[in-house]
Protein backbone atom coordinates (compact mmCIF):
# COMPACT_ATOMS: atom_id res chain seq x y z
CA MET A 1 137.56 130.29 19.51
CA ARG A 2 135.01 131.99 21.76
CA LEU A 3 132.19 130.90 19.45
CA LEU A 4 133.50 127.33 19.55
CA ALA A 5 133.76 127.37 23.35
CA PHE A 6 130.26 128.81 23.64
CA GLY A 7 128.95 126.15 21.27
CA LEU A 8 130.54 123.36 23.32
CA LEU A 9 129.05 124.75 26.52
CA LEU A 10 125.64 125.03 24.92
CA LEU A 11 125.88 121.45 23.65
CA ALA A 12 126.88 120.19 27.09
CA ALA A 13 124.02 122.07 28.73
CA THR A 14 121.55 120.67 26.22
CA ALA A 15 122.80 117.13 26.76
CA TRP A 16 122.55 117.56 30.55
CA ALA A 17 119.00 118.89 30.28
CA ALA A 18 118.00 115.99 28.04
CA ASP A 19 119.36 113.42 30.51
CA PRO A 20 116.44 112.61 32.84
CA VAL A 21 116.92 112.76 36.59
CA THR A 22 117.26 109.43 38.38
CA LEU A 23 116.37 109.19 42.07
CA ARG A 24 116.90 106.41 44.57
CA LEU A 25 113.84 106.26 46.85
CA LEU A 26 114.12 104.45 50.16
CA THR A 27 111.32 103.48 52.53
CA GLU A 28 110.41 101.13 55.37
CA ASP A 29 107.56 98.76 56.13
CA TYR A 30 105.07 101.25 57.58
CA PRO A 31 101.57 100.23 56.44
CA PRO A 32 99.36 101.53 55.00
CA PHE A 33 101.66 104.30 53.75
CA ASN A 34 104.53 102.10 52.53
CA MET A 35 104.66 98.32 52.67
CA LEU A 36 105.55 95.12 50.87
CA ALA A 37 102.51 93.73 49.06
CA ALA A 38 101.69 90.05 48.54
CA ASN A 39 103.21 90.19 45.04
CA SER A 40 106.53 91.37 46.56
CA GLN A 41 106.00 94.87 45.14
CA ILE A 42 106.33 97.94 47.36
CA SER A 43 102.92 99.56 47.67
CA GLY A 44 100.89 101.76 50.03
CA SER A 45 99.23 105.16 49.83
CA ALA A 46 102.42 107.22 50.06
CA THR A 47 104.19 104.89 47.63
CA ASP A 48 101.44 105.30 45.03
CA ILE A 49 101.51 109.07 45.47
CA VAL A 50 105.30 109.13 45.06
CA ARG A 51 105.16 106.87 41.99
CA GLU A 52 102.60 109.16 40.35
CA LEU A 53 104.72 112.17 41.26
CA MET A 54 107.79 110.65 39.60
CA GLN A 55 105.82 109.63 36.51
CA ARG A 56 104.30 113.08 35.96
CA ASN A 57 107.76 114.63 36.07
CA GLY A 58 109.46 112.06 33.85
CA ILE A 59 111.86 111.04 36.61
CA ARG A 60 113.49 107.63 36.54
CA TYR A 61 113.55 106.07 39.99
CA SER A 62 114.02 102.94 42.05
CA ILE A 63 112.31 102.10 45.34
CA GLU A 64 113.94 99.96 48.01
CA LEU A 65 112.51 98.87 51.35
CA LEU A 66 115.02 98.94 54.23
CA PRO A 67 115.08 99.17 58.04
CA TRP A 68 114.18 102.73 58.93
CA LEU A 69 117.45 103.98 60.40
CA ARG A 70 119.43 102.65 57.43
CA ALA A 71 117.05 104.26 54.93
CA PHE A 72 117.08 107.56 56.82
CA ASN A 73 120.85 107.75 57.15
CA ARG A 74 121.48 106.87 53.50
CA ALA A 75 119.16 109.67 52.39
CA VAL A 76 121.10 112.12 54.57
CA LEU A 77 124.47 111.00 53.20
CA GLU A 78 123.95 109.89 49.59
CA PRO A 79 123.23 112.32 46.71
CA GLY A 80 120.21 111.53 44.57
CA THR A 81 118.55 109.68 47.45
CA CYS A 82 115.24 110.35 49.19
CA VAL A 83 113.40 108.64 52.04
CA TYR A 84 109.68 108.42 52.76
CA SER A 85 107.33 108.60 54.58
CA THR A 86 109.30 110.96 56.82
CA THR A 87 107.74 113.01 59.59
CA ARG A 88 108.88 116.61 59.28
CA THR A 89 110.20 117.74 62.65
CA ASP A 90 112.38 120.62 63.82
CA PRO A 91 115.48 118.43 64.48
CA ARG A 92 115.18 116.95 60.96
CA GLU A 93 114.39 120.18 59.11
CA SER A 94 117.93 121.06 58.07
CA LEU A 95 118.86 117.50 57.08
CA PHE A 96 116.72 117.31 53.94
CA LYS A 97 114.90 119.09 51.17
CA TRP A 98 111.20 118.38 51.61
CA ILE A 99 108.48 117.41 49.13
CA GLY A 100 104.99 117.04 50.50
CA PRO A 101 103.17 116.32 52.55
CA VAL A 102 102.40 112.87 51.16
CA ALA A 103 100.51 111.64 54.24
CA GLU A 104 98.74 112.78 57.39
CA ASN A 105 99.52 110.66 60.43
CA PRO A 106 97.64 110.94 63.74
CA TRP A 107 99.58 109.54 66.72
CA VAL A 108 97.80 107.34 69.25
CA LEU A 109 98.34 105.39 72.44
CA TYR A 110 97.25 101.75 72.46
CA ALA A 111 96.44 99.86 75.65
CA ARG A 112 95.46 96.32 76.48
CA SER A 113 91.70 95.90 76.55
CA ASP A 114 91.84 94.83 80.21
CA ASN A 115 93.64 98.05 81.20
CA PRO A 116 91.08 100.22 83.07
CA ARG A 117 93.25 103.36 82.84
CA VAL A 118 92.09 105.57 79.96
CA PRO A 119 94.29 108.70 79.73
CA ASN A 120 92.51 111.92 78.82
CA THR A 121 95.77 113.63 77.85
CA LEU A 122 99.30 112.52 77.04
CA GLU A 123 100.41 113.93 80.39
CA ASP A 124 98.18 111.36 82.12
CA ALA A 125 100.47 108.66 80.72
CA ARG A 126 103.70 110.19 82.01
CA ARG A 127 104.05 107.82 84.97
CA TYR A 128 103.80 104.74 82.76
CA ARG A 129 106.15 102.91 80.38
CA LEU A 130 105.47 103.61 76.71
CA GLY A 131 106.56 101.48 73.78
CA GLY A 132 108.20 103.02 70.72
CA TYR A 133 110.83 102.01 68.21
CA ALA A 134 114.32 103.28 67.47
CA GLY A 135 114.55 106.24 65.12
CA ASP A 136 110.78 106.76 64.88
CA ALA A 137 109.45 110.32 65.14
CA VAL A 138 106.79 109.28 67.68
CA ALA A 139 109.42 107.84 70.01
CA GLN A 140 111.73 110.84 69.50
CA TYR A 141 108.87 113.20 70.34
CA LEU A 142 108.19 111.40 73.62
CA ILE A 143 111.84 111.03 74.59
CA ALA A 144 112.38 114.77 74.03
CA ARG A 145 109.57 115.37 76.54
CA ASN A 146 111.14 113.04 79.12
CA PHE A 147 108.62 110.21 78.90
CA ASP A 148 109.75 106.70 79.82
CA VAL A 149 110.06 105.09 76.38
CA ASP A 150 111.06 101.45 75.98
CA LEU A 151 112.55 101.23 72.47
CA ALA A 152 112.13 98.23 70.19
CA ASN A 153 113.87 97.53 66.90
CA SER A 154 110.54 97.50 65.04
CA ASP A 155 106.96 98.54 65.76
CA GLU A 156 105.70 94.95 65.40
CA GLN A 157 107.63 94.08 68.55
CA ASN A 158 105.62 96.65 70.48
CA VAL A 159 102.37 94.79 69.77
CA ARG A 160 103.81 91.70 71.46
CA LYS A 161 105.35 93.71 74.30
CA LEU A 162 101.99 95.35 75.01
CA GLN A 163 100.19 92.01 74.97
CA ALA A 164 102.78 90.55 77.35
CA GLY A 165 102.51 93.50 79.77
CA ARG A 166 106.11 94.60 79.23
CA ILE A 167 104.87 98.12 78.39
CA ASP A 168 101.79 99.96 79.65
CA TYR A 169 100.97 101.78 76.39
CA TRP A 170 102.15 101.58 72.81
CA ALA A 171 102.74 104.93 71.07
CA THR A 172 102.37 104.69 67.31
CA GLY A 173 100.62 106.04 64.22
CA LYS A 174 96.87 105.53 64.04
CA TYR A 175 96.86 103.64 60.75
CA ILE A 176 99.96 101.53 61.25
CA GLY A 177 98.70 100.63 64.72
CA ALA A 178 95.50 99.20 63.27
CA GLN A 179 97.41 97.40 60.51
CA LEU A 180 99.97 95.82 62.84
CA ALA A 181 97.36 94.82 65.42
CA ALA A 182 95.45 93.03 62.67
CA ARG A 183 98.63 91.47 61.27
CA GLU A 184 99.58 90.14 64.73
CA LYS A 185 95.97 89.05 65.42
CA ALA A 186 96.05 91.17 68.57
CA GLY A 187 92.36 91.43 69.39
CA ASN A 188 93.05 92.33 73.02
CA ILE A 189 94.50 95.82 72.41
CA ARG A 190 92.75 99.08 71.55
CA PRO A 191 93.55 102.75 70.86
CA VAL A 192 92.73 104.93 73.87
CA LEU A 193 94.10 108.40 73.02
CA THR A 194 95.01 110.47 69.96
CA PHE A 195 97.70 112.85 71.20
CA ASN A 196 99.17 114.48 68.09
CA THR A 197 98.75 114.75 64.32
CA THR A 198 101.75 115.14 62.02
CA PHE A 199 102.48 115.22 58.29
CA MET A 200 104.92 112.98 56.46
CA TYR A 201 107.03 113.88 53.42
CA LEU A 202 109.39 112.69 50.75
CA ALA A 203 112.66 113.86 52.29
CA CYS A 204 115.55 114.25 49.83
CA ASN A 205 119.29 114.64 50.12
CA LEU A 206 120.41 118.26 50.31
CA GLY A 207 122.14 117.91 46.94
CA LEU A 208 118.82 117.85 45.12
CA SER A 209 118.35 121.09 43.19
CA ASP A 210 115.93 123.68 44.53
CA GLN A 211 114.42 123.88 41.05
CA LEU A 212 113.51 120.18 41.07
CA VAL A 213 112.20 120.38 44.63
CA GLY A 214 109.94 123.26 43.63
CA GLN A 215 108.80 121.39 40.54
CA LEU A 216 107.92 118.28 42.54
CA ASN A 217 106.04 120.30 45.15
CA ASP A 218 104.09 122.10 42.41
CA THR A 219 103.13 118.78 40.83
CA LEU A 220 102.07 117.34 44.18
CA HIS A 221 99.88 120.39 44.77
CA LYS A 222 98.21 119.76 41.41
CA MET A 223 97.67 116.11 42.37
CA GLN A 224 95.94 117.27 45.54
CA LYS A 225 93.72 119.70 43.61
CA ASP A 226 92.73 117.25 40.86
CA GLY A 227 91.67 114.56 43.35
CA THR A 228 94.49 112.08 42.67
CA VAL A 229 95.77 112.11 46.26
CA ALA A 230 92.28 111.72 47.74
CA LYS A 231 91.55 108.80 45.43
CA ILE A 232 94.76 106.99 46.41
CA ASN A 233 94.16 107.59 50.12
CA ALA A 234 90.59 106.30 49.89
CA HIS A 235 91.94 103.01 48.57
CA TYR A 236 94.30 102.43 51.51
CA LEU A 237 93.20 104.39 54.57
CA ARG A 238 90.50 103.01 56.84
CA ASP A 239 89.47 104.41 60.22
């Protein structure tokens, strides 16, 4: 009987090991790291890195583009779910298991071109109204430091708000700022200050096994060493 029970357990363990992991990957429109391409496929530098990471580990996956807060909250609550590209901050640290980084993201202030005030430090902008968007790490960083942040539902709205003079500066990522300014044909705004640099990750539900997290991080490290990550970034990232 014991031999039979042991055999059944061994068979079950073998079947479980043979069943490949399936992950649900959620993201937002945050070019050039993650975005909807012209062919309706989700692309971007972080997306390509994550796809390669899944492929090298034989992981089945789906990718869905959602509003940021919905994607973030689903990854916190739903097993087998991850969200990217997620800035790793102290308040978020205990909410996820982290794979990365998959992207480096300098933070900048944009101003209208006719604004003569060029801040030398972030503190120089404290007396002014800054534009951010709900749930974004840049906005959360500024709010935590008691800056006056006017929140929008999306970062695209901040381009229009800055052009209309409804905010004095727009706080955003360096690369997405350039992408959105070009998308909105906003030739009258410019970056005036880089005030922080952060790293973004694939952030996974706490139910993901530590073994798989370690495996994914090891693979990502190999991708960095063999030049795969640099090659992908060179295709998407422009100063």
